[in-house]
Protein backbone atom coordinates (compact mmCIF):
# COMPACT_ATOMS: atom_id res chain seq x y z
CA UNK A 1 0.00 0.00 0.00
CA UNK A 2 1.20 3.49 -0.86
CA UNK A 3 1.61 5.93 2.03
CA UNK A 4 0.31 9.27 0.79
CA UNK A 5 1.87 12.33 2.43
CA UNK A 6 -0.38 15.39 2.16
CA UNK A 7 0.16 19.00 3.14
CA UNK A 8 -2.83 21.19 3.95
CA UNK A 9 -2.25 24.94 4.07
CA UNK A 10 -5.07 26.59 5.99
CA UNK A 11 -7.02 25.04 8.85
CA UNK A 12 -10.39 26.70 8.39
CA UNK A 13 -13.56 24.98 7.16
CA UNK A 14 -12.09 23.48 3.97
CA UNK A 15 -8.81 22.48 5.62
CA UNK A 16 -10.66 20.60 8.36
CA UNK A 17 -12.84 18.78 5.81
CA UNK A 18 -9.80 17.69 3.80
CA UNK A 19 -8.02 16.57 6.96
CA UNK A 20 -10.95 14.27 7.81
CA UNK A 21 -11.02 12.81 4.28
CA UNK A 22 -7.29 12.09 4.14
CA UNK A 23 -7.28 10.58 7.61
CA UNK A 24 -10.03 8.17 6.54
CA UNK A 25 -7.79 7.19 3.63
CA UNK A 26 -4.89 6.54 6.01
CA UNK A 27 -2.71 9.34 4.63
CA UNK A 28 -0.06 11.18 6.60
CA UNK A 29 -1.29 14.77 6.93
CA UNK A 30 0.84 17.80 7.69
CA UNK A 31 -0.94 21.03 8.58
CA UNK A 32 0.14 24.63 8.14
CA UNK A 33 -1.69 27.70 9.39
CA UNK A 34 -1.05 31.29 10.34
CA UNK A 35 -3.57 30.68 13.15
CA UNK A 36 -0.98 29.28 15.52
CA UNK A 37 -3.30 28.52 18.43
CA UNK A 38 -6.13 26.95 16.42
CA UNK A 39 -3.88 25.20 13.90
CA UNK A 40 -1.62 23.72 16.56
CA UNK A 41 -4.61 22.49 18.57
CA UNK A 42 -6.11 20.86 15.45
CA UNK A 43 -2.78 19.21 14.65
CA UNK A 44 -2.38 17.88 18.19
CA UNK A 45 -5.95 16.54 18.26
CA UNK A 46 -5.34 14.64 15.04
CA UNK A 47 -1.73 13.55 15.48
CA UNK A 48 -0.41 15.77 12.68
CA UNK A 49 2.82 17.64 12.27
CA UNK A 50 2.27 21.42 12.28
CA UNK A 51 3.97 24.39 10.63
CA UNK A 52 3.22 28.11 10.79
CA UNK A 53 5.16 28.89 7.58
CA UNK A 54 4.08 27.16 4.37
CA UNK A 55 7.47 27.86 2.75
CA UNK A 56 9.20 25.96 5.54
CA UNK A 57 6.72 23.06 5.23
CA UNK A 58 7.22 22.85 1.47
CA UNK A 59 11.02 22.99 1.81
CA UNK A 60 11.30 20.41 4.60
CA UNK A 61 8.64 17.86 3.74
CA UNK A 62 8.49 15.53 0.74
CA UNK A 63 4.80 15.89 -0.02
CA UNK A 64 2.80 13.98 -2.62
CA UNK A 65 0.04 16.56 -2.64
CA UNK A 66 -0.59 20.05 -1.26
CA UNK A 67 -4.01 21.60 -0.75
CA UNK A 68 -4.00 25.38 -0.50
CA UNK A 69 -7.11 26.28 1.48
CA UNK A 70 -6.72 30.03 1.55
CA UNK A 71 -8.89 32.86 0.29
CA UNK A 72 -8.10 35.64 -2.15
CA UNK A 73 -4.56 36.80 -2.84
CA UNK A 74 -3.09 34.33 -0.33
CA UNK A 75 -4.09 31.44 -2.57
CA UNK A 76 -2.28 32.75 -5.62
CA UNK A 77 0.84 33.82 -3.74
CA UNK A 78 1.10 30.44 -2.02
CA UNK A 79 0.56 28.51 -5.27
CA UNK A 80 3.23 30.47 -7.12
CA UNK A 81 5.70 30.08 -4.24
CA UNK A 82 5.05 26.31 -4.13
CA UNK A 83 5.80 25.99 -7.85
CA UNK A 84 8.96 28.06 -7.44
CA UNK A 85 10.25 26.07 -4.44
CA UNK A 86 9.59 22.74 -6.21
CA UNK A 87 11.05 23.90 -9.55
CA UNK A 88 7.80 23.11 -11.33
CA UNK A 89 8.10 25.86 -13.92
């Protein structure tokens, strides 16, 4: 069986839903949020590693998939930075 390693950036409504789905699939989930208190609590409750800086998470972790659950300009900035850090373009 393949062990999927997933990063979720943002721990609001959508991030929490994705966390539940990936946990049901048996994936390793790593969370990242600017909401340190809420994000850290969610990570601890679910046995996840937690980052406050998505650039650090992307650089340190070998992720199979990243979900960017942010609104507005944060989504685009994060997506572009991910591509840059992973040499995708």
